[in-house]
Amino acid sequence: MRVKAISRSTSTYVPQGTTSTPVPRNLNPALHPFEKAREYTRALNATKLDRLFAQPFLGQLGNGHVDGVYTFAVDPKVLNRVASGSGDGVVKLWEMTDRSEVYSVKAHDGVVKDMCYSDDGKLLTCASDQKIKLWDHPSKLEGKSTGDQIKPLMTYLGANSFNSITHHRYDQVFATASSSIGIWDISRSKPTSNLNWGSDSINVVRFNPTETSILASAGADRSLVFYDLRMSTPVTKLITTMSTNAISWNPVEPFNLAIGNEDHNAYIFDMRKLERALNVLKDHVAAVMDVCYSPTGQELVTGSYDRTLRIYSVREHGHSRDIYHTKRMQRIFSVAFTPDARYVLSGSDDGNIRLWRAKASERSHVRSTRERVKLEYDEALKKRYQHMPEIRRIARHRHLPKTIKKMSETKKVQLGSIKRKDENRRKNGEQMSARTPERQKMVVKTIQ
């Protein structure tokens, strides 16, 4: 009997972009013994390679500033541009692709306290010289390299120095923080309304990017206040044990926000349930000066007075997944994610703007299908075996500066001592209140 074999060209069934020939595989588990042992070895090797290729620091932008960098402004519609403001009143615009300076202007006579972009790409800056300035779209200023050629479109005068500024996502409205919260229309030279609830000095104010009528502010009296612009009235007030330095709204979950506190921690709150925090982000050993959500809403970066910045996964436990530091980096006052969530910016007291990878071992290049599948397989294996002792030890290990390590150990001893004293009082019959959960310790009271 004659048998005729079927033959066909490989181009009809081989995926585009690869030259490898697919091999049929029998998925019967009886034919694949020791699968878990092989997967564990692959997960261990993938974890080791992840730490081996971890090089988060990419470099600094240009020559930085002469004074400390205290604020950033990132336009969510532009990937390759970022503006920075320093303590000597200079505002600079940077090109991210080649880390070069587009222009520099002496914008204010005092410290540039905050900056933000409007919906049409114009830049608003506020400073301690009691002035707010509106700058034209960067595309119209590219040919003007010197500060003498660059003039603000409009200047707004205030009665007190400004600490913070934020712009409405859609309307031509912005809010400022000083002795009170001022609501401004871009076309008018005076605020249309003023809001306040008890604080003499307001540190920071932020518009909610999704629920755009909601405004959050933090004052020097340890308050966190929420306002509704539809009624032009405050809604809720939260008093914490220590003052808040920074606020960042989650861009994906409208009711959630993160605050950076003087007690070395960052907290995530749901504005509808302020009696307790959703999560407490620990590990810093000094005040948290700035916080910023990633555009995906899944990660959070914090900059601290202890000269380090940490990246947290919002959904997981309250410890950082990574810590970034250099020998010469000083106290960090501003941090920001780039709009593609792949890079992190940090501005410190030494005048440098540093650029970091959001994932320390990730590289930016076009991946083939084979490489992408391999990386996805490695990530799945690391997640599957992350509880194993050796893999957990390698994945968590970080080299810390000596001062940070010593301060962490001291802080751990102090917190352990406080906890032990409370337990001893309870054991010896002293009448004490019930144990306060960790996520409620910073909440003093809420006022409706």
Protein backbone atom coordinates (compact mmCIF):
# COMPACT_ATOMS: atom_id res chain seq x y z
CA MET A 1 0.00 0.00 0.00
CA ARG A 2 1.31 3.42 -0.93
CA VAL A 3 1.24 6.14 1.77
CA LYS A 4 1.36 9.79 0.73
CA ALA A 5 2.76 12.20 3.38
CA ILE A 6 1.25 15.64 3.81
CA SER A 7 3.75 18.47 3.45
CA ARG A 8 3.29 22.23 3.75
CA SER A 9 5.42 25.36 3.96
CA THR A 10 6.52 26.53 7.43
CA SER A 11 5.46 30.10 6.57
CA THR A 12 1.81 29.04 6.92
CA TYR A 13 2.05 28.20 10.62
CA VAL A 14 5.21 29.87 12.03
CA PRO A 15 4.40 33.17 13.86
CA GLN A 16 5.69 36.37 12.32
CA GLY A 17 8.82 37.84 13.87
CA THR A 18 10.46 34.51 14.74
CA THR A 19 12.60 32.02 12.88
CA SER A 20 12.23 29.11 15.31
CA THR A 21 10.16 26.13 14.25
CA PRO A 22 7.44 25.18 16.77
CA VAL A 23 7.76 21.66 18.12
CA PRO A 24 4.62 19.73 19.12
CA ARG A 25 4.51 19.00 22.84
CA ASN A 26 2.56 16.34 24.68
CA LEU A 27 1.12 17.95 27.84
CA ASN A 28 0.54 14.66 29.65
CA PRO A 29 2.06 15.25 33.15
CA ALA A 30 3.19 11.64 33.36
CA LEU A 31 5.71 12.36 30.61
CA HIS A 32 7.20 15.36 32.50
CA PRO A 33 8.56 14.24 35.89
CA PHE A 34 10.28 16.64 38.34
CA GLU A 35 8.48 19.66 36.88
CA LYS A 36 8.35 21.57 40.17
CA ALA A 37 12.04 21.03 40.82
CA ARG A 38 12.94 22.42 37.40
CA GLU A 39 10.57 25.37 37.82
CA TYR A 40 12.04 26.20 41.23
CA THR A 41 15.55 26.23 39.77
CA ARG A 42 14.40 28.51 36.95
CA ALA A 43 12.66 30.83 39.43
CA LEU A 44 15.82 30.98 41.56
CA ASN A 45 17.99 31.78 38.54
CA ALA A 46 15.53 34.42 37.35
CA THR A 47 15.57 36.08 40.80
CA LYS A 48 19.37 36.09 40.86
CA LEU A 49 19.55 37.59 37.37
CA ASP A 50 17.01 40.22 38.37
CA ARG A 51 19.28 41.41 41.18
CA LEU A 52 22.42 41.02 39.05
CA PHE A 53 21.11 43.39 36.36
CA ALA A 54 19.56 45.88 38.82
CA GLN A 55 21.01 49.25 37.79
CA PRO A 56 18.31 51.81 38.54
CA PHE A 57 20.31 55.03 38.23
CA LEU A 58 20.45 56.37 34.67
CA GLY A 59 22.02 59.80 35.19
CA GLN A 60 21.21 63.42 35.93
CA LEU A 61 19.46 65.96 33.73
CA GLY A 62 21.98 68.45 32.32
CA ASN A 63 23.95 70.30 34.98
CA GLY A 64 20.99 70.57 37.33
CA HIS A 65 20.30 73.71 39.37
CA VAL A 66 22.54 75.95 41.45
CA ASP A 67 20.17 75.67 44.43
CA GLY A 68 18.03 72.78 45.70
CA VAL A 69 15.26 71.34 43.52
CA TYR A 70 11.99 71.66 45.40
CA THR A 71 9.29 70.95 42.83
CA PHE A 72 8.53 69.21 39.53
CA ALA A 73 5.83 69.69 36.92
CA VAL A 74 5.09 66.79 34.57
CA ASP A 75 2.67 67.31 31.70
CA PRO A 76 0.59 64.09 31.43
CA LYS A 77 0.15 64.66 27.69
CA VAL A 78 3.89 64.96 26.89
CA LEU A 79 6.29 62.08 27.52
CA ASN A 80 9.64 63.75 26.97
CA ARG A 81 9.38 67.08 28.83
CA VAL A 82 9.58 67.95 32.52
CA ALA A 83 9.93 71.30 34.31
CA SER A 84 11.72 71.89 37.60
CA GLY A 85 11.90 74.76 40.08
CA SER A 86 14.69 75.55 42.52
CA GLY A 87 15.35 77.57 45.65
CA ASP A 88 16.91 80.50 43.77
CA GLY A 89 13.74 81.16 41.76
CA VAL A 90 14.95 79.56 38.52
CA VAL A 91 12.60 77.40 36.42
CA LYS A 92 14.08 75.02 33.86
CA LEU A 93 12.52 72.87 31.16
CA TRP A 94 14.26 69.59 30.33
CA GLU A 95 14.28 67.28 27.33
CA MET A 96 14.12 63.71 28.67
CA THR A 97 15.39 61.88 25.58
CA ASP A 98 18.90 63.37 25.69
CA ARG A 99 18.65 64.88 29.23
CA SER A 100 19.38 68.36 27.91
CA GLU A 101 18.13 71.76 29.04
CA VAL A 102 15.56 73.38 26.71
CA TYR A 103 15.47 76.74 28.48
CA SER A 104 16.11 78.37 31.84
CA VAL A 105 14.41 81.46 33.23
CA LYS A 106 14.69 83.46 36.44
CA ALA A 107 10.99 83.19 37.20
CA HIS A 108 10.76 84.41 40.82
CA ASP A 109 12.70 86.30 43.47
CA GLY A 110 12.04 83.66 46.12
CA VAL A 111 11.90 79.89 46.42
CA VAL A 112 9.77 78.21 43.75
CA LYS A 113 7.36 76.32 45.99
CA ASP A 114 5.20 74.51 43.42
CA MET A 115 4.43 74.18 39.70
CA CYS A 116 1.72 72.60 37.55
CA TYR A 117 0.59 72.36 33.94
CA SER A 118 -2.75 73.59 32.67
CA ASP A 119 -4.99 71.59 30.36
CA ASP A 120 -3.59 73.38 27.27
CA GLY A 121 0.07 72.80 28.21
CA LYS A 122 0.87 76.16 29.83
CA LEU A 123 2.97 76.25 32.99
CA LEU A 124 1.91 77.84 36.30
CA THR A 125 4.51 78.58 38.97
CA CYS A 126 4.14 79.97 42.49
CA ALA A 127 6.79 81.12 44.93
CA SER A 128 7.48 82.73 48.28
CA ASP A 129 7.65 86.18 46.61
CA GLN A 130 3.81 86.33 46.69
CA LYS A 131 3.54 85.90 42.91
CA ILE A 132 2.02 83.38 40.52
CA LYS A 133 3.20 83.38 36.92
CA LEU A 134 1.74 81.81 33.80
CA TRP A 135 4.21 80.70 31.09
CA ASP A 136 3.48 79.93 27.47
CA HIS A 137 3.43 76.46 25.90
CA PRO A 138 7.00 75.04 25.61
CA SER A 139 6.74 74.70 21.81
CA LYS A 140 6.51 78.51 21.53
CA LEU A 141 9.59 79.05 23.70
CA GLU A 142 12.04 76.59 22.16
CA GLY A 143 13.92 79.21 20.14
CA LYS A 144 14.36 81.45 23.19
CA SER A 145 17.28 80.06 25.14
CA THR A 146 17.94 82.97 27.51
CA GLY A 147 15.78 84.13 30.37
CA ASP A 148 15.70 87.72 29.08
CA GLN A 149 13.77 86.62 26.00
CA ILE A 150 11.18 84.61 27.95
CA LYS A 151 8.41 86.61 29.59
CA PRO A 152 5.36 85.34 31.50
CA LEU A 153 1.97 85.61 29.86
CA MET A 154 0.41 86.80 33.11
CA THR A 155 1.41 87.56 36.69
CA TYR A 156 -0.96 87.17 39.65
CA LEU A 157 -0.25 88.94 42.96
CA GLY A 158 -1.21 87.61 46.37
CA ALA A 159 -1.25 88.97 49.91
CA ASN A 160 0.95 86.14 51.28
CA SER A 161 3.61 83.78 50.00
CA PHE A 162 2.27 80.77 48.14
CA ASN A 163 3.09 77.22 49.23
CA SER A 164 1.32 75.12 46.59
CA ILE A 165 -0.60 75.32 43.32
CA THR A 166 -2.79 72.88 41.39
CA HIS A 167 -4.78 73.15 38.18
CA HIS A 168 -8.23 71.80 37.33
CA ARG A 169 -8.04 68.95 34.84
CA TYR A 170 -10.46 70.46 32.31
CA ASP A 171 -11.50 73.99 33.29
CA GLN A 172 -9.35 77.14 33.24
CA VAL A 173 -9.30 77.19 37.04
CA PHE A 174 -6.46 76.70 39.49
CA ALA A 175 -6.15 76.67 43.28
CA THR A 176 -3.37 78.01 45.49
CA ALA A 177 -2.41 77.41 49.12
CA SER A 178 -1.15 80.15 51.44
CA SER A 179 -2.95 81.41 54.55
CA SER A 180 -6.12 80.14 52.83
CA ILE A 181 -7.06 78.30 49.65
CA GLY A 182 -7.64 80.64 46.74
CA ILE A 183 -9.69 79.58 43.72
CA TRP A 184 -8.53 81.49 40.63
CA ASP A 185 -9.73 81.90 37.09
CA ILE A 186 -6.83 82.14 34.65
CA SER A 187 -8.35 85.16 32.93
CA ARG A 188 -8.77 87.15 36.19
CA SER A 189 -6.12 88.79 38.35
CA LYS A 190 -7.85 88.16 41.69
CA PRO A 191 -9.16 84.92 43.24
CA THR A 192 -12.84 84.27 42.68
CA SER A 193 -13.26 82.71 46.15
CA ASN A 194 -11.32 81.78 49.28
CA LEU A 195 -11.73 78.61 51.35
CA ASN A 196 -10.43 77.84 54.81
CA TRP A 197 -11.16 75.66 57.82
CA GLY A 198 -9.10 76.76 60.77
CA SER A 199 -5.47 76.58 59.59
CA ASP A 200 -3.26 79.69 59.48
CA SER A 201 -0.90 78.12 56.94
CA ILE A 202 -1.75 75.53 54.29
CA ASN A 203 1.16 73.44 53.05
CA VAL A 204 -0.25 71.68 50.01
CA VAL A 205 -3.40 71.62 47.88
CA ARG A 206 -4.36 69.15 45.13
CA PHE A 207 -7.29 68.79 42.72
CA ASN A 208 -8.69 65.29 42.27
CA PRO A 209 -7.91 64.35 38.61
CA THR A 210 -11.07 62.22 38.22
CA GLU A 211 -13.65 63.70 40.60
CA THR A 212 -12.60 67.14 39.45
CA SER A 213 -14.77 69.14 41.87
CA ILE A 214 -12.99 67.64 44.91
CA LEU A 215 -10.03 69.46 46.42
CA ALA A 216 -7.73 68.21 49.21
CA SER A 217 -5.46 70.34 51.37
CA ALA A 218 -3.05 69.80 54.25
CA GLY A 219 -2.36 72.48 56.84
CA ALA A 220 0.25 73.27 59.46
CA ASP A 221 -2.26 72.40 62.19
CA ARG A 222 -1.95 68.67 61.22
CA SER A 223 -5.23 68.78 59.30
CA LEU A 224 -6.25 67.11 56.06
CA VAL A 225 -9.33 68.88 54.65
CA PHE A 226 -11.54 68.00 51.68
CA TYR A 227 -13.53 70.65 49.81
CA ASP A 228 -16.33 70.39 47.27
CA LEU A 229 -16.19 73.25 44.78
CA ARG A 230 -19.78 72.67 43.69
CA MET A 231 -20.86 74.05 47.07
CA SER A 232 -17.67 76.06 47.76
CA THR A 233 -17.56 74.59 51.26
CA PRO A 234 -15.34 72.18 53.20
CA VAL A 235 -16.75 68.67 53.58
CA THR A 236 -14.55 66.65 55.94
CA LYS A 237 -11.56 67.33 58.15
CA LEU A 238 -9.05 64.77 59.45
CA ILE A 239 -6.62 65.56 62.27
CA THR A 240 -3.44 63.43 62.31
CA THR A 241 -0.76 63.04 64.97
CA MET A 242 1.84 64.88 62.84
CA SER A 243 1.66 67.27 59.90
CA THR A 244 1.34 66.25 56.26
CA ASN A 245 3.95 67.34 53.72
CA ALA A 246 2.54 66.03 50.42
CA ILE A 247 -0.67 64.76 48.83
CA SER A 248 -1.10 62.63 45.71
CA TRP A 249 -4.43 61.39 44.32
CA ASN A 250 -4.69 57.96 42.76
CA PRO A 251 -5.35 58.58 39.03
CA VAL A 252 -7.26 55.30 38.65
CA GLU A 253 -9.22 55.03 41.92
CA PRO A 254 -10.80 58.48 42.38
CA PHE A 255 -11.52 58.28 46.12
CA ASN A 256 -8.05 57.12 47.20
CA LEU A 257 -5.12 59.39 47.98
CA ALA A 258 -1.67 59.09 49.52
CA ILE A 259 -0.11 61.51 51.99
CA GLY A 260 3.50 61.89 53.09
CA ASN A 261 3.79 62.52 56.82
CA GLU A 262 6.34 63.86 59.28
CA ASP A 263 6.21 60.58 61.24
CA HIS A 264 8.39 58.83 58.59
CA ASN A 265 5.43 57.05 56.97
CA ALA A 266 3.17 57.50 53.96
CA TYR A 267 -0.52 56.67 54.30
CA ILE A 268 -3.17 55.69 51.78
CA PHE A 269 -6.69 56.85 52.63
CA ASP A 270 -10.14 56.43 51.19
CA MET A 271 -11.71 59.89 51.48
CA ARG A 272 -15.09 58.28 52.27
CA LYS A 273 -13.71 56.36 55.30
CA LEU A 274 -11.14 58.50 57.07
CA GLU A 275 -11.37 56.66 60.40
CA ARG A 276 -8.53 54.38 59.35
CA ALA A 277 -5.93 54.21 56.59
CA LEU A 278 -6.12 51.67 53.79
CA ASN A 279 -2.40 51.04 54.10
CA VAL A 280 0.65 52.29 55.99
CA LEU A 281 3.84 52.54 53.91
CA LYS A 282 6.83 52.21 56.22
CA ASP A 283 10.66 51.84 56.01
CA HIS A 284 11.73 55.51 55.87
CA VAL A 285 13.71 56.79 58.84
CA ALA A 286 12.97 60.50 58.38
CA ALA A 287 10.06 62.68 57.27
CA VAL A 288 8.45 61.86 53.91
CA MET A 289 8.71 65.08 51.89
CA ASP A 290 6.91 64.08 48.68
CA VAL A 291 4.74 61.29 47.27
CA CYS A 292 3.62 60.55 43.73
CA TYR A 293 1.40 57.87 42.22
CA SER A 294 2.36 56.18 38.97
CA PRO A 295 -0.03 56.84 36.04
CA THR A 296 -1.28 53.25 36.40
CA GLY A 297 -2.23 53.79 40.04
CA GLN A 298 -0.48 50.54 41.02
CA GLU A 299 2.74 51.98 42.45
CA LEU A 300 3.82 54.88 44.61
CA VAL A 301 7.18 56.63 44.94
CA THR A 302 8.20 58.57 48.05
CA GLY A 303 11.10 60.93 48.65
CA SER A 304 12.37 61.45 52.16
CA TYR A 305 14.56 63.65 54.31
CA ASP A 306 16.74 60.55 54.90
CA ARG A 307 18.23 60.97 51.37
CA THR A 308 16.52 57.97 49.82
CA LEU A 309 13.51 57.37 47.63
CA ARG A 310 11.41 54.23 47.87
CA ILE A 311 8.94 52.56 45.51
CA TYR A 312 5.90 50.78 46.94
CA SER A 313 3.36 48.45 45.42
CA VAL A 314 -0.01 49.87 46.46
CA ARG A 315 -1.83 46.53 46.53
CA GLU A 316 0.72 44.62 48.61
CA HIS A 317 2.17 44.97 52.11
CA GLY A 318 3.40 48.26 53.51
CA HIS A 319 7.10 47.77 52.85
CA SER A 320 8.96 49.14 49.85
CA ARG A 321 9.81 46.86 46.97
CA ASP A 322 12.91 48.94 46.17
CA ILE A 323 15.09 51.70 47.62
CA TYR A 324 17.23 54.05 45.51
CA HIS A 325 20.15 56.11 46.78
CA THR A 326 23.57 57.43 45.77
CA LYS A 327 26.54 58.55 47.84
CA ARG A 328 26.22 62.21 46.92
CA MET A 329 22.44 62.57 46.92
CA GLN A 330 21.16 64.88 49.65
CA ARG A 331 17.71 65.33 51.15
CA ILE A 332 14.94 64.67 48.61
CA PHE A 333 12.16 67.25 48.38
CA SER A 334 10.41 66.26 45.15
CA VAL A 335 9.71 63.04 43.23
CA ALA A 336 7.67 62.29 40.12
CA PHE A 337 6.78 59.46 37.77
CA THR A 338 7.08 60.05 34.03
CA PRO A 339 3.75 59.76 32.12
CA ASP A 340 4.69 56.31 30.75
CA ALA A 341 5.36 54.98 34.32
CA ARG A 342 8.77 53.62 33.28
CA TYR A 343 11.00 56.20 34.95
CA VAL A 344 11.18 58.14 38.20
CA LEU A 345 12.58 61.65 38.76
CA SER A 346 14.00 62.92 42.04
CA GLY A 347 15.03 66.42 43.02
CA SER A 348 17.28 66.92 46.02
CA ASP A 349 18.92 69.62 48.09
CA ASP A 350 22.21 69.31 46.16
CA GLY A 351 20.61 70.83 43.01
CA ASN A 352 20.65 67.65 40.93
CA ILE A 353 17.71 66.08 39.09
CA ARG A 354 18.25 62.34 38.90
CA LEU A 355 16.59 59.92 36.52
CA TRP A 356 15.88 56.35 37.68
CA ARG A 357 14.30 53.26 36.23
CA ALA A 358 10.99 52.39 37.85
CA LYS A 359 12.05 48.73 37.67
CA ALA A 360 15.73 48.46 38.40
CA SER A 361 16.54 45.54 36.08
CA GLU A 362 14.28 46.51 33.16
CA ARG A 363 15.88 47.66 29.91
CA SER A 364 14.35 49.88 27.24
CA HIS A 365 14.60 48.19 23.86
CA VAL A 366 12.39 46.49 21.32
CA ARG A 367 11.95 42.88 22.42
CA SER A 368 11.45 39.93 20.13
CA THR A 369 8.55 37.60 20.72
CA ARG A 370 10.85 34.97 22.13
CA GLU A 371 12.43 37.35 24.65
CA ARG A 372 9.08 38.75 25.74
CA VAL A 373 7.63 35.28 26.32
CA LYS A 374 10.72 34.31 28.33
CA LEU A 375 10.45 37.40 30.56
CA GLU A 376 6.75 36.79 31.17
CA TYR A 377 7.50 33.16 32.05
CA ASP A 378 10.21 34.25 34.51
CA GLU A 379 7.87 36.76 36.17
CA ALA A 380 5.21 34.09 36.60
CA LEU A 381 7.74 31.70 38.15
CA LYS A 382 9.06 34.35 40.55
CA LYS A 383 5.55 35.13 41.68
CA ARG A 384 4.72 31.45 42.11
CA TYR A 385 7.77 30.67 44.26
CA GLN A 386 8.17 34.04 46.02
CA HIS A 387 7.38 32.47 49.40
CA MET A 388 10.36 30.09 49.25
CA PRO A 389 13.04 31.14 51.80
CA GLU A 390 16.01 31.42 49.45
CA ILE A 391 14.11 33.25 46.72
CA ARG A 392 12.53 35.60 49.26
CA ARG A 393 15.93 36.37 50.79
CA ILE A 394 17.57 37.17 47.45
CA ALA A 395 14.62 39.26 46.21
CA ARG A 396 14.44 41.35 49.40
CA HIS A 397 18.13 42.01 49.94
CA ARG A 398 19.30 45.59 49.36
CA HIS A 399 22.54 47.37 50.15
CA LEU A 400 21.74 50.33 52.41
CA PRO A 401 23.90 53.30 53.39
CA LYS A 402 25.47 52.82 56.79
CA THR A 403 23.56 55.74 58.34
CA ILE A 404 20.20 54.43 57.07
CA LYS A 405 20.94 50.94 58.36
CA LYS A 406 21.90 52.23 61.81
CA MET A 407 18.85 54.49 62.03
CA SER A 408 16.59 51.62 60.93
CA GLU A 409 17.98 49.38 63.66
CA THR A 410 17.58 52.13 66.28
CA LYS A 411 14.01 52.82 65.18
CA LYS A 412 13.19 49.10 65.33
CA VAL A 413 14.50 48.91 68.93
CA GLN A 414 12.50 52.00 69.94
CA LEU A 415 9.23 50.73 68.46
CA GLY A 416 9.82 47.30 70.02
CA SER A 417 10.37 48.91 73.41
CA ILE A 418 7.10 50.87 73.21
CA LYS A 419 5.19 47.76 72.21
CA ARG A 420 6.76 45.68 75.00
CA LYS A 421 5.88 48.29 77.65
CA ASP A 422 2.25 48.34 76.55
CA GLU A 423 2.07 44.54 76.71
CA ASN A 424 3.66 44.48 80.17
CA ARG A 425 1.09 46.97 81.48
CA ARG A 426 -1.72 44.77 80.18
CA LYS A 427 -0.24 41.62 81.68
CA ASN A 428 0.08 43.25 85.10
CA GLY A 429 -3.57 44.23 85.24
CA GLU A 430 -3.35 47.96 84.51
CA GLN A 431 -6.57 49.32 83.08
CA MET A 432 -5.84 50.37 79.51
CA SER A 433 -7.87 50.95 76.40
CA ALA A 434 -8.05 48.34 73.67
CA ARG A 435 -5.12 47.95 71.32
CA THR A 436 -5.21 50.52 68.52
CA PRO A 437 -4.69 49.03 65.06
CA GLU A 438 -1.63 50.28 63.22
CA ARG A 439 -3.77 51.90 60.54
CA GLN A 440 -5.65 54.00 63.11
CA LYS A 441 -2.76 55.23 65.24
CA MET A 442 -2.16 58.41 63.26
CA VAL A 443 -5.84 59.44 63.24
CA VAL A 444 -6.68 61.80 66.10
CA LYS A 445 -10.24 62.64 65.02
CA THR A 446 -12.44 63.34 62.03
CA ILE A 447 -14.80 66.30 61.76
CA GLN A 448 -17.74 66.37 59.37
